PDB file of all heavy atoms in Angstrom:
ATOM      1  N   SER A   1     -29.594  85.850  46.258  1.00  0.00           N
ATOM      2  CA  SER A   1     -28.436  86.752  46.200  1.00  0.00           C
ATOM      3  C   SER A   1     -28.617  87.838  45.144  1.00  0.00           C
ATOM      4  O   SER A   1     -27.767  88.729  45.018  1.00  0.00           O
ATOM      5  CB  SER A   1     -27.161  85.949  45.892  1.00  0.00           C
ATOM      6  OG  SER A   1     -26.916  84.979  46.877  1.00  0.00           O
ATOM      7  N   ASP A   2     -29.701  87.766  44.394  1.00  0.00           N
ATOM      8  CA  ASP A   2     -29.979  88.725  43.325  1.00  0.00           C
ATOM      9  C   ASP A   2     -30.747  89.913  43.903  1.00  0.00           C
ATOM     10  O   ASP A   2     -31.868  89.753  44.386  1.00  0.00           O
ATOM     11  CB  ASP A   2     -30.809  88.036  42.239  1.00  0.00           C
ATOM     12  CG  ASP A   2     -30.998  88.895  40.999  1.00  0.00           C
ATOM     13  OD1 ASP A   2     -30.901  90.138  41.108  1.00  0.00           O
ATOM     14  OD2 ASP A   2     -31.285  88.323  39.923  1.00  0.00           O
ATOM     15  N   PRO A   3     -30.168  91.121  43.883  1.00  0.00           N
ATOM     16  CA  PRO A   3     -30.846  92.280  44.479  1.00  0.00           C
ATOM     17  C   PRO A   3     -32.181  92.619  43.843  1.00  0.00           C
ATOM     18  O   PRO A   3     -33.009  93.295  44.458  1.00  0.00           O
ATOM     19  CB  PRO A   3     -29.828  93.423  44.282  1.00  0.00           C
ATOM     20  CG  PRO A   3     -28.909  92.956  43.206  1.00  0.00           C
ATOM     21  CD  PRO A   3     -28.850  91.479  43.331  1.00  0.00           C
ATOM     22  N   ASP A   4     -32.437  92.142  42.639  1.00  0.00           N
ATOM     23  CA  ASP A   4     -33.726  92.400  41.995  1.00  0.00           C
ATOM     24  C   ASP A   4     -34.879  91.728  42.730  1.00  0.00           C
ATOM     25  O   ASP A   4     -36.051  92.057  42.487  1.00  0.00           O
ATOM     26  CB  ASP A   4     -33.702  91.919  40.543  1.00  0.00           C
ATOM     27  CG  ASP A   4     -32.863  92.813  39.641  1.00  0.00           C
ATOM     28  OD1 ASP A   4     -32.552  93.951  40.058  1.00  0.00           O
ATOM     29  OD2 ASP A   4     -32.503  92.366  38.542  1.00  0.00           O
ATOM     30  N   TYR A   5     -34.549  90.797  43.630  1.00  0.00           N
ATOM     31  CA  TYR A   5     -35.604  90.060  44.338  1.00  0.00           C
ATOM     32  C   TYR A   5     -35.570  90.314  45.847  1.00  0.00           C
ATOM     33  O   TYR A   5     -36.198  89.585  46.612  1.00  0.00           O
ATOM     34  CB  TYR A   5     -35.497  88.566  44.012  1.00  0.00           C
ATOM     35  CG  TYR A   5     -35.708  88.326  42.539  1.00  0.00           C
ATOM     36  CD1 TYR A   5     -34.634  88.362  41.655  1.00  0.00           C
ATOM     37  CD2 TYR A   5     -36.981  88.167  42.016  1.00  0.00           C
ATOM     38  CE1 TYR A   5     -34.825  88.222  40.291  1.00  0.00           C
ATOM     39  CE2 TYR A   5     -37.182  88.018  40.649  1.00  0.00           C
ATOM     40  CZ  TYR A   5     -36.102  88.052  39.791  1.00  0.00           C
ATOM     41  OH  TYR A   5     -36.302  87.927  38.442  1.00  0.00           O
ATOM     42  N   ASP A   6     -34.868  91.375  46.222  1.00  0.00           N
ATOM     43  CA  ASP A   6     -34.804  91.732  47.641  1.00  0.00           C
ATOM     44  C   ASP A   6     -36.164  92.133  48.199  1.00  0.00           C
ATOM     45  O   ASP A   6     -36.388  92.071  49.407  1.00  0.00           O
ATOM     46  CB  ASP A   6     -33.812  92.882  47.861  1.00  0.00           C
ATOM     47  CG  ASP A   6     -32.357  92.432  47.767  1.00  0.00           C
ATOM     48  OD1 ASP A   6     -32.124  91.209  47.795  1.00  0.00           O
ATOM     49  OD2 ASP A   6     -31.469  93.292  47.656  1.00  0.00           O
ATOM     50  N   HIS A   7     -37.082  92.569  47.315  1.00  0.00           N
ATOM     51  CA  HIS A   7     -38.388  93.033  47.799  1.00  0.00           C
ATOM     52  C   HIS A   7     -39.305  91.873  48.183  1.00  0.00           C
ATOM     53  O   HIS A   7     -40.376  92.105  48.750  1.00  0.00           O
ATOM     54  CB  HIS A   7     -39.082  93.882  46.720  1.00  0.00           C
ATOM     55  CG  HIS A   7     -39.453  93.113  45.481  1.00  0.00           C
ATOM     56  ND1 HIS A   7     -38.528  92.676  44.568  1.00  0.00           N
ATOM     57  CD2 HIS A   7     -40.663  92.697  45.004  1.00  0.00           C
ATOM     58  CE1 HIS A   7     -39.136  92.049  43.580  1.00  0.00           C
ATOM     59  NE2 HIS A   7     -40.439  92.041  43.831  1.00  0.00           N
ATOM     60  N   LEU A   8     -38.879  90.645  47.908  1.00  0.00           N
ATOM     61  CA  LEU A   8     -39.732  89.487  48.162  1.00  0.00           C
ATOM     62  C   LEU A   8     -39.224  88.661  49.342  1.00  0.00           C
ATOM     63  O   LEU A   8     -38.014  88.522  49.543  1.00  0.00           O
ATOM     64  CB  LEU A   8     -39.785  88.584  46.929  1.00  0.00           C
ATOM     65  CG  LEU A   8     -40.582  89.097  45.733  1.00  0.00           C
ATOM     66  CD1 LEU A   8     -40.339  88.198  44.531  1.00  0.00           C
ATOM     67  CD2 LEU A   8     -42.070  89.154  46.051  1.00  0.00           C
ATOM     68  N   THR A   9     -40.156  88.120  50.112  1.00  0.00           N
ATOM     69  CA  THR A   9     -39.831  87.109  51.114  1.00  0.00           C
ATOM     70  C   THR A   9     -39.894  85.753  50.433  1.00  0.00           C
ATOM     71  O   THR A   9     -40.937  85.371  49.898  1.00  0.00           O
ATOM     72  CB  THR A   9     -40.831  87.153  52.281  1.00  0.00           C
ATOM     73  OG1 THR A   9     -40.754  88.427  52.924  1.00  0.00           O
ATOM     74  CG2 THR A   9     -40.533  86.055  53.294  1.00  0.00           C
ATOM     75  N   ILE A  10     -38.768  85.045  50.399  1.00  0.00           N
ATOM     76  CA  ILE A  10     -38.686  83.754  49.723  1.00  0.00           C
ATOM     77  C   ILE A  10     -38.423  82.678  50.768  1.00  0.00           C
ATOM     78  O   ILE A  10     -37.418  82.724  51.479  1.00  0.00           O
ATOM     79  CB  ILE A  10     -37.583  83.751  48.643  1.00  0.00           C
ATOM     80  CG1 ILE A  10     -37.835  84.864  47.616  1.00  0.00           C
ATOM     81  CG2 ILE A  10     -37.513  82.393  47.958  1.00  0.00           C
ATOM     82  CD1 ILE A  10     -36.772  84.981  46.545  1.00  0.00           C
ATOM     83  N   VAL A  11     -39.345  81.719  50.872  1.00  0.00           N
ATOM     84  CA  VAL A  11     -39.276  80.687  51.906  1.00  0.00           C
ATOM     85  C   VAL A  11     -38.948  79.345  51.264  1.00  0.00           C
ATOM     86  O   VAL A  11     -39.716  78.853  50.422  1.00  0.00           O
ATOM     87  CB  VAL A  11     -40.611  80.576  52.668  1.00  0.00           C
ATOM     88  CG1 VAL A  11     -40.546  79.457  53.702  1.00  0.00           C
ATOM     89  CG2 VAL A  11     -40.961  81.903  53.334  1.00  0.00           C
ATOM     90  N   PRO A  12     -37.809  78.723  51.608  1.00  0.00           N
ATOM     91  CA  PRO A  12     -37.505  77.392  51.080  1.00  0.00           C
ATOM     92  C   PRO A  12     -38.538  76.383  51.560  1.00  0.00           C
ATOM     93  O   PRO A  12     -38.934  76.381  52.724  1.00  0.00           O
ATOM     94  CB  PRO A  12     -36.115  77.083  51.646  1.00  0.00           C
ATOM     95  CG  PRO A  12     -35.962  77.979  52.828  1.00  0.00           C
ATOM     96  CD  PRO A  12     -36.778  79.203  52.536  1.00  0.00           C
ATOM     97  N   CYS A  13     -38.973  75.493  50.659  1.00  0.00           N
ATOM     98  CA  CYS A  13     -40.155  74.693  50.959  1.00  0.00           C
ATOM     99  C   CYS A  13     -40.111  73.339  50.248  1.00  0.00           C
ATOM    100  O   CYS A  13     -39.590  73.227  49.136  1.00  0.00           O
ATOM    101  CB  CYS A  13     -41.384  75.490  50.506  1.00  0.00           C
ATOM    102  SG  CYS A  13     -42.945  74.638  50.653  1.00  0.00           S
ATOM    103  N   SER A  14     -40.673  72.331  50.903  1.00  0.00           N
ATOM    104  CA  SER A  14     -40.967  71.057  50.248  1.00  0.00           C
ATOM    105  C   SER A  14     -42.366  70.644  50.662  1.00  0.00           C
ATOM    106  O   SER A  14     -42.576  70.093  51.752  1.00  0.00           O
ATOM    107  CB  SER A  14     -39.964  69.967  50.631  1.00  0.00           C
ATOM    108  OG  SER A  14     -40.406  68.705  50.140  1.00  0.00           O
ATOM    109  N   ALA A  15     -43.329  70.948  49.813  1.00  0.00           N
ATOM    110  CA  ALA A  15     -44.712  70.563  50.098  1.00  0.00           C
ATOM    111  C   ALA A  15     -44.835  69.045  50.168  1.00  0.00           C
ATOM    112  O   ALA A  15     -45.621  68.507  50.965  1.00  0.00           O
ATOM    113  CB  ALA A  15     -45.645  71.125  49.022  1.00  0.00           C
ATOM    114  N   HIS A  16     -44.036  68.352  49.365  1.00  0.00           N
ATOM    115  CA  HIS A  16     -44.057  66.890  49.380  1.00  0.00           C
ATOM    116  C   HIS A  16     -43.652  66.364  50.750  1.00  0.00           C
ATOM    117  O   HIS A  16     -44.273  65.427  51.281  1.00  0.00           O
ATOM    118  CB  HIS A  16     -43.106  66.348  48.312  1.00  0.00           C
ATOM    119  CG  HIS A  16     -42.836  64.881  48.417  1.00  0.00           C
ATOM    120  ND1 HIS A  16     -43.733  63.922  48.037  1.00  0.00           N
ATOM    121  CD2 HIS A  16     -41.753  64.208  48.909  1.00  0.00           C
ATOM    122  CE1 HIS A  16     -43.229  62.720  48.260  1.00  0.00           C
ATOM    123  NE2 HIS A  16     -42.030  62.872  48.793  1.00  0.00           N
ATOM    124  N   ALA A  17     -42.624  66.935  51.353  1.00  0.00           N
ATOM    125  CA  ALA A  17     -42.157  66.483  52.665  1.00  0.00           C
ATOM    126  C   ALA A  17     -43.230  66.704  53.730  1.00  0.00           C
ATOM    127  O   ALA A  17     -43.475  65.831  54.570  1.00  0.00           O
ATOM    128  CB  ALA A  17     -40.869  67.212  53.043  1.00  0.00           C
ATOM    129  N   GLU A  18     -43.876  67.869  53.699  1.00  0.00           N
ATOM    130  CA  GLU A  18     -44.914  68.166  54.687  1.00  0.00           C
ATOM    131  C   GLU A  18     -46.088  67.196  54.546  1.00  0.00           C
ATOM    132  O   GLU A  18     -46.601  66.668  55.539  1.00  0.00           O
ATOM    133  CB  GLU A  18     -45.394  69.603  54.528  1.00  0.00           C
ATOM    134  CG  GLU A  18     -46.455  70.041  55.523  1.00  0.00           C
ATOM    135  CD  GLU A  18     -45.919  70.278  56.921  1.00  0.00           C
ATOM    136  OE1 GLU A  18     -44.684  70.225  57.115  1.00  0.00           O
ATOM    137  OE2 GLU A  18     -46.741  70.509  57.825  1.00  0.00           O
ATOM    138  N   LYS A  19     -46.509  66.958  53.310  1.00  0.00           N
ATOM    139  CA  LYS A  19     -47.622  66.036  53.083  1.00  0.00           C
ATOM    140  C   LYS A  19     -47.251  64.631  53.531  1.00  0.00           C
ATOM    141  O   LYS A  19     -48.065  63.919  54.152  1.00  0.00           O
ATOM    142  CB  LYS A  19     -48.001  66.042  51.591  1.00  0.00           C
ATOM    143  CG  LYS A  19     -49.172  65.129  51.237  1.00  0.00           C
ATOM    144  CD  LYS A  19     -50.476  65.648  51.775  1.00  0.00           C
ATOM    145  CE  LYS A  19     -51.641  64.702  51.469  1.00  0.00           C
ATOM    146  NZ  LYS A  19     -51.807  64.463  50.016  1.00  0.00           N
ATOM    147  N   ALA A  20     -46.028  64.198  53.251  1.00  0.00           N
ATOM    148  CA  ALA A  20     -45.592  62.862  53.634  1.00  0.00           C
ATOM    149  C   ALA A  20     -45.588  62.695  55.146  1.00  0.00           C
ATOM    150  O   ALA A  20     -46.020  61.657  55.673  1.00  0.00           O
ATOM    151  CB  ALA A  20     -44.204  62.576  53.060  1.00  0.00           C
ATOM    152  N   LEU A  21     -45.118  63.710  55.868  1.00  0.00           N
ATOM    153  CA  LEU A  21     -45.067  63.622  57.324  1.00  0.00           C
ATOM    154  C   LEU A  21     -46.465  63.598  57.935  1.00  0.00           C
ATOM    155  O   LEU A  21     -46.738  62.827  58.870  1.00  0.00           O
ATOM    156  CB  LEU A  21     -44.257  64.785  57.892  1.00  0.00           C
ATOM    157  CG  LEU A  21     -42.746  64.703  57.682  1.00  0.00           C
ATOM    158  CD1 LEU A  21     -42.059  65.983  58.166  1.00  0.00           C
ATOM    159  CD2 LEU A  21     -42.165  63.494  58.411  1.00  0.00           C
ATOM    160  N   LYS A  22     -47.358  64.435  57.426  1.00  0.00           N
ATOM    161  CA  LYS A  22     -48.710  64.456  57.978  1.00  0.00           C
ATOM    162  C   LYS A  22     -49.452  63.148  57.673  1.00  0.00           C
ATOM    163  O   LYS A  22     -50.208  62.641  58.510  1.00  0.00           O
ATOM    164  CB  LYS A  22     -49.486  65.657  57.433  1.00  0.00           C
ATOM    165  CG  LYS A  22     -49.064  66.972  58.062  1.00  0.00           C
ATOM    166  CD  LYS A  22     -49.931  68.116  57.582  1.00  0.00           C
ATOM    167  CE  LYS A  22     -49.585  69.410  58.306  1.00  0.00           C
ATOM    168  NZ  LYS A  22     -50.386  70.556  57.800  1.00  0.00           N
ATOM    169  N   THR A  23     -49.220  62.603  56.497  1.00  0.00           N
ATOM    170  CA  THR A  23     -49.842  61.320  56.155  1.00  0.00           C
ATOM    171  C   THR A  23     -49.288  60.213  57.044  1.00  0.00           C
ATOM    172  O   THR A  23     -50.037  59.358  57.536  1.00  0.00           O
ATOM    173  CB  THR A  23     -49.604  60.986  54.674  1.00  0.00           C
ATOM    174  OG1 THR A  23     -50.174  62.018  53.857  1.00  0.00           O
ATOM    175  CG2 THR A  23     -50.226  59.653  54.310  1.00  0.00           C
ATOM    176  N   ALA A  24     -47.974  60.251  57.264  1.00  0.00           N
ATOM    177  CA  ALA A  24     -47.345  59.250  58.124  1.00  0.00           C
ATOM    178  C   ALA A  24     -47.877  59.353  59.550  1.00  0.00           C
ATOM    179  O   ALA A  24     -48.088  58.332  60.217  1.00  0.00           O
ATOM    180  CB  ALA A  24     -45.831  59.415  58.104  1.00  0.00           C
ATOM    181  N   GLU A  25     -48.120  60.572  60.017  1.00  0.00           N
ATOM    182  CA  GLU A  25     -48.663  60.723  61.371  1.00  0.00           C
ATOM    183  C   GLU A  25     -50.095  60.195  61.435  1.00  0.00           C
ATOM    184  O   GLU A  25     -50.475  59.520  62.405  1.00  0.00           O
ATOM    185  CB  GLU A  25     -48.632  62.189  61.807  1.00  0.00           C
ATOM    186  CG  GLU A  25     -49.056  62.340  63.269  1.00  0.00           C
ATOM    187  CD  GLU A  25     -49.148  63.784  63.718  1.00  0.00           C
ATOM    188  OE1 GLU A  25     -49.671  64.609  62.953  1.00  0.00           O
ATOM    189  OE2 GLU A  25     -48.711  64.059  64.839  1.00  0.00           O
ATOM    190  N   GLU A  26     -50.892  60.482  60.411  1.00  0.00           N
ATOM    191  CA  GLU A  26     -52.264  59.967  60.383  1.00  0.00           C
ATOM    192  C   GLU A  26     -52.293  58.442  60.437  1.00  0.00           C
ATOM    193  O   GLU A  26     -53.214  57.841  60.997  1.00  0.00           O
ATOM    194  CB  GLU A  26     -52.991  60.451  59.119  1.00  0.00           C
ATOM    195  CG  GLU A  26     -53.462  61.886  59.177  1.00  0.00           C
ATOM    196  CD  GLU A  26     -54.386  62.229  58.020  1.00  0.00           C
ATOM    197  OE1 GLU A  26     -54.406  61.462  57.036  1.00  0.00           O
ATOM    198  OE2 GLU A  26     -55.077  63.255  58.100  1.00  0.00           O
ATOM    199  N   ASN A  27     -51.267  57.822  59.868  1.00  0.00           N
ATOM    200  CA  ASN A  27     -51.196  56.362  59.821  1.00  0.00           C
ATOM    201  C   ASN A  27     -50.463  55.776  61.024  1.00  0.00           C
ATOM    202  O   ASN A  27     -50.189  54.560  61.057  1.00  0.00           O
ATOM    203  CB  ASN A  27     -50.524  55.908  58.526  1.00  0.00           C
ATOM    204  CG  ASN A  27     -51.350  56.242  57.291  1.00  0.00           C
ATOM    205  OD1 ASN A  27     -52.581  56.279  57.356  1.00  0.00           O
ATOM    206  ND2 ASN A  27     -50.689  56.493  56.173  1.00  0.00           N
ATOM    207  N   GLY A  28     -50.127  56.631  61.984  1.00  0.00           N
ATOM    208  CA  GLY A  28     -49.482  56.148  63.198  1.00  0.00           C
ATOM    209  C   GLY A  28     -48.022  55.788  63.040  1.00  0.00           C
ATOM    210  O   GLY A  28     -47.451  55.077  63.881  1.00  0.00           O
ATOM    211  N   VAL A  29     -47.381  56.285  61.987  1.00  0.00           N
ATOM    212  CA  VAL A  29     -45.990  55.940  61.717  1.00  0.00           C
ATOM    213  C   VAL A  29     -45.027  56.892  62.419  1.00  0.00           C
ATOM    214  O   VAL A  29     -43.952  56.485  62.875  1.00  0.00           O
ATOM    215  CB  VAL A  29     -45.722  55.934  60.198  1.00  0.00           C
ATOM    216  CG1 VAL A  29     -44.250  55.687  59.897  1.00  0.00           C
ATOM    217  CG2 VAL A  29     -46.587  54.880  59.527  1.00  0.00           C
ATOM    218  N   VAL A  30     -45.395  58.184  62.502  1.00  0.00           N
ATOM    219  CA  VAL A  30     -44.528  59.170  63.133  1.00  0.00           C
ATOM    220  C   VAL A  30     -45.340  60.062  64.066  1.00  0.00           C
ATOM    221  O   VAL A  30     -46.570  60.140  63.958  1.00  0.00           O
ATOM    222  CB  VAL A  30     -43.804  60.069  62.087  1.00  0.00           C
ATOM    223  CG1 VAL A  30     -43.013  59.237  61.092  1.00  0.00           C
ATOM    224  CG2 VAL A  30     -44.789  60.985  61.367  1.00  0.00           C
ATOM    225  N   GLU A  31     -44.632  60.714  64.973  1.00  0.00           N
ATOM    226  CA  GLU A  31     -45.191  61.819  65.741  1.00  0.00           C
ATOM    227  C   GLU A  31     -44.557  63.092  65.204  1.00  0.00           C
ATOM    228  O   GLU A  31     -43.329  63.234  65.208  1.00  0.00           O
ATOM    229  CB  GLU A  31     -44.898  61.657  67.234  1.00  0.00           C
ATOM    230  CG  GLU A  31     -45.724  60.581  67.913  1.00  0.00           C
ATOM    231  CD  GLU A  31     -45.510  60.560  69.413  1.00  0.00           C
ATOM    232  OE1 GLU A  31     -44.768  61.440  69.921  1.00  0.00           O
ATOM    233  OE2 GLU A  31     -46.074  59.668  70.067  1.00  0.00           O
ATOM    234  N   TYR A  32     -45.413  64.016  64.737  1.00  0.00           N
ATOM    235  CA  TYR A  32     -44.901  65.199  64.050  1.00  0.00           C
ATOM    236  C   TYR A  32     -45.795  66.385  64.337  1.00  0.00           C
ATOM    237  O   TYR A  32     -47.021  66.299  64.215  1.00  0.00           O
ATOM    238  CB  TYR A  32     -44.854  64.948  62.534  1.00  0.00           C
ATOM    239  CG  TYR A  32     -44.569  66.176  61.700  1.00  0.00           C
ATOM    240  CD1 TYR A  32     -43.355  66.852  61.790  1.00  0.00           C
ATOM    241  CD2 TYR A  32     -45.544  66.675  60.826  1.00  0.00           C
ATOM    242  CE1 TYR A  32     -43.111  67.983  61.027  1.00  0.00           C
ATOM    243  CE2 TYR A  32     -45.303  67.789  60.054  1.00  0.00           C
ATOM    244  CZ  TYR A  32     -44.088  68.454  60.162  1.00  0.00           C
ATOM    245  OH  TYR A  32     -43.850  69.582  59.418  1.00  0.00           O
ATOM    246  N   THR A  33     -45.195  67.476  64.729  1.00  0.00           N
ATOM    247  CA  THR A  33     -45.909  68.733  64.904  1.00  0.00           C
ATOM    248  C   THR A  33     -45.659  69.593  63.677  1.00  0.00           C
ATOM    249  O   THR A  33     -44.494  69.866  63.344  1.00  0.00           O
ATOM    250  CB  THR A  33     -45.423  69.486  66.162  1.00  0.00           C
ATOM    251  OG1 THR A  33     -45.660  68.668  67.311  1.00  0.00           O
ATOM    252  CG2 THR A  33     -46.169  70.804  66.322  1.00  0.00           C
ATOM    253  N   PRO A  34     -46.705  70.005  62.950  1.00  0.00           N
ATOM    254  CA  PRO A  34     -46.502  70.792  61.731  1.00  0.00           C
ATOM    255  C   PRO A  34     -45.572  71.983  61.954  1.00  0.00           C
ATOM    256  O   PRO A  34     -45.726  72.735  62.906  1.00  0.00           O
ATOM    257  CB  PRO A  34     -47.920  71.246  61.373  1.00  0.00           C
ATOM    258  CG  PRO A  34     -48.790  70.157  61.912  1.00  0.00           C
ATOM    259  CD  PRO A  34     -48.133  69.722  63.208  1.00  0.00           C
ATOM    260  N   GLY A  35     -44.603  72.091  61.056  1.00  0.00           N
ATOM    261  CA  GLY A  35     -43.644  73.183  61.143  1.00  0.00           C
ATOM    262  C   GLY A  35     -42.401  72.844  61.933  1.00  0.00           C
ATOM    263  O   GLY A  35     -41.433  73.621  61.938  1.00  0.00           O
ATOM    264  N   ALA A  36     -42.387  71.693  62.616  1.00  0.00           N
ATOM    265  CA  ALA A  36     -41.244  71.324  63.445  1.00  0.00           C
ATOM    266  C   ALA A  36     -40.054  70.920  62.576  1.00  0.00           C
ATOM    267  O   ALA A  36     -40.199  70.518  61.425  1.00  0.00           O
ATOM    268  CB  ALA A  36     -41.616  70.192  64.392  1.00  0.00           C
ATOM    269  N   SER A  37     -38.866  70.997  63.181  1.00  0.00           N
ATOM    270  CA  SER A  37     -37.644  70.662  62.454  1.00  0.00           C
ATOM    271  C   SER A  37     -37.197  69.220  62.709  1.00  0.00           C
ATOM    272  O   SER A  37     -36.085  68.843  62.331  1.00  0.00           O
ATOM    273  CB  SER A  37     -36.518  71.625  62.846  1.00  0.00           C
ATOM    274  OG  SER A  37     -36.283  71.582  64.246  1.00  0.00           O
ATOM    275  N   ASP A  38     -38.058  68.432  63.351  1.00  0.00           N
ATOM    276  CA  ASP A  38     -37.743  67.025  63.584  1.00  0.00           C
ATOM    277  C   ASP A  38     -39.046  66.272  63.844  1.00  0.00           C
ATOM    278  O   ASP A  38     -40.109  66.884  64.028  1.00  0.00           O
ATOM    279  CB  ASP A  38     -36.790  66.869  64.776  1.00  0.00           C
ATOM    280  CG  ASP A  38     -36.062  65.516  64.764  1.00  0.00           C
ATOM    281  OD1 ASP A  38     -36.257  64.732  63.810  1.00  0.00           O
ATOM    282  OD2 ASP A  38     -35.297  65.246  65.720  1.00  0.00           O
ATOM    283  N   PHE A  39     -38.970  64.968  63.873  1.00  0.00           N
ATOM    284  CA  PHE A  39     -40.119  64.122  64.146  1.00  0.00           C
ATOM    285  C   PHE A  39     -39.604  62.805  64.707  1.00  0.00           C
ATOM    286  O   PHE A  39     -38.407  62.498  64.645  1.00  0.00           O
ATOM    287  CB  PHE A  39     -40.949  63.888  62.878  1.00  0.00           C
ATOM    288  CG  PHE A  39     -40.151  63.297  61.741  1.00  0.00           C
ATOM    289  CD1 PHE A  39     -40.041  61.913  61.576  1.00  0.00           C
ATOM    290  CD2 PHE A  39     -39.502  64.123  60.832  1.00  0.00           C
ATOM    291  CE1 PHE A  39     -39.302  61.381  60.542  1.00  0.00           C
ATOM    292  CE2 PHE A  39     -38.757  63.589  59.790  1.00  0.00           C
ATOM    293  CZ  PHE A  39     -38.659  62.216  59.644  1.00  0.00           C
ATOM    294  N   GLU A  40     -40.511  62.010  65.255  1.00  0.00           N
ATOM    295  CA  GLU A  40     -40.133  60.727  65.844  1.00  0.00           C
ATOM    296  C   GLU A  40     -40.867  59.600  65.139  1.00  0.00           C
ATOM    297  O   GLU A  40     -42.088  59.662  64.966  1.00  0.00           O
ATOM    298  CB  GLU A  40     -40.479  60.709  67.335  1.00  0.00           C
ATOM    299  CG  GLU A  40     -40.106  59.408  68.039  1.00  0.00           C
ATOM    300  CD  GLU A  40     -40.501  59.404  69.498  1.00  0.00           C
ATOM    301  OE1 GLU A  40     -40.996  60.444  69.981  1.00  0.00           O
ATOM    302  OE2 GLU A  40     -40.331  58.348  70.150  1.00  0.00           O
ATOM    303  N   ILE A  41     -40.132  58.593  64.727  1.00  0.00           N
ATOM    304  CA  ILE A  41     -40.744  57.422  64.118  1.00  0.00           C
ATOM    305  C   ILE A  41     -41.300  56.550  65.238  1.00  0.00           C
ATOM    306  O   ILE A  41     -40.574  56.132  66.143  1.00  0.00           O
ATOM    307  CB  ILE A  41     -39.735  56.637  63.264  1.00  0.00           C
ATOM    308  CG1 ILE A  41     -39.226  57.516  62.111  1.00  0.00           C
ATOM    309  CG2 ILE A  41     -40.383  55.359  62.712  1.00  0.00           C
ATOM    310  CD1 ILE A  41     -38.166  56.845  61.243  1.00  0.00           C
ATOM    311  N   THR A  42     -42.605  56.273  65.181  1.00  0.00           N
ATOM    312  CA  THR A  42     -43.275  55.526  66.260  1.00  0.00           C
ATOM    313  C   THR A  42     -43.875  54.212  65.787  1.00  0.00           C
ATOM    314  O   THR A  42     -44.346  53.424  66.605  1.00  0.00           O
ATOM    315  CB  THR A  42     -44.392  56.382  66.879  1.00  0.00           C
ATOM    316  OG1 THR A  42     -45.305  56.784  65.850  1.00  0.00           O
ATOM    317  CG2 THR A  42     -43.816  57.626  67.540  1.00  0.00           C
ATOM    318  N   GLY A  43     -43.890  53.976  64.495  1.00  0.00           N
ATOM    319  CA  GLY A  43     -44.498  52.764  63.959  1.00  0.00           C
ATOM    320  C   GLY A  43     -43.492  51.934  63.178  1.00  0.00           C
ATOM    321  O   GLY A  43     -42.322  52.316  63.009  1.00  0.00           O
ATOM    322  N   ASP A  44     -43.934  50.810  62.692  1.00  0.00           N
ATOM    323  CA  ASP A  44     -43.086  49.935  61.886  1.00  0.00           C
ATOM    324  C   ASP A  44     -42.981  50.485  60.467  1.00  0.00           C
ATOM    325  O   ASP A  44     -43.979  50.847  59.847  1.00  0.00           O
ATOM    326  CB  ASP A  44     -43.682  48.525  61.838  1.00  0.00           C
ATOM    327  CG  ASP A  44     -43.695  47.858  63.205  1.00  0.00           C
ATOM    328  OD1 ASP A  44     -42.802  48.177  64.017  1.00  0.00           O
ATOM    329  OD2 ASP A  44     -44.602  47.040  63.449  1.00  0.00           O
TER     330      ASP A  44
END
């Protein structure tokens, strides 16, 4: 909301969440497409 930063594109992010989902998919726990807004739990 600060006009001093209007010149920048600011993207809300959680690198931890992305890493956790990709690791979970590698381990067969979830089905997840990178960048998606949802995922499916497929493992125990």
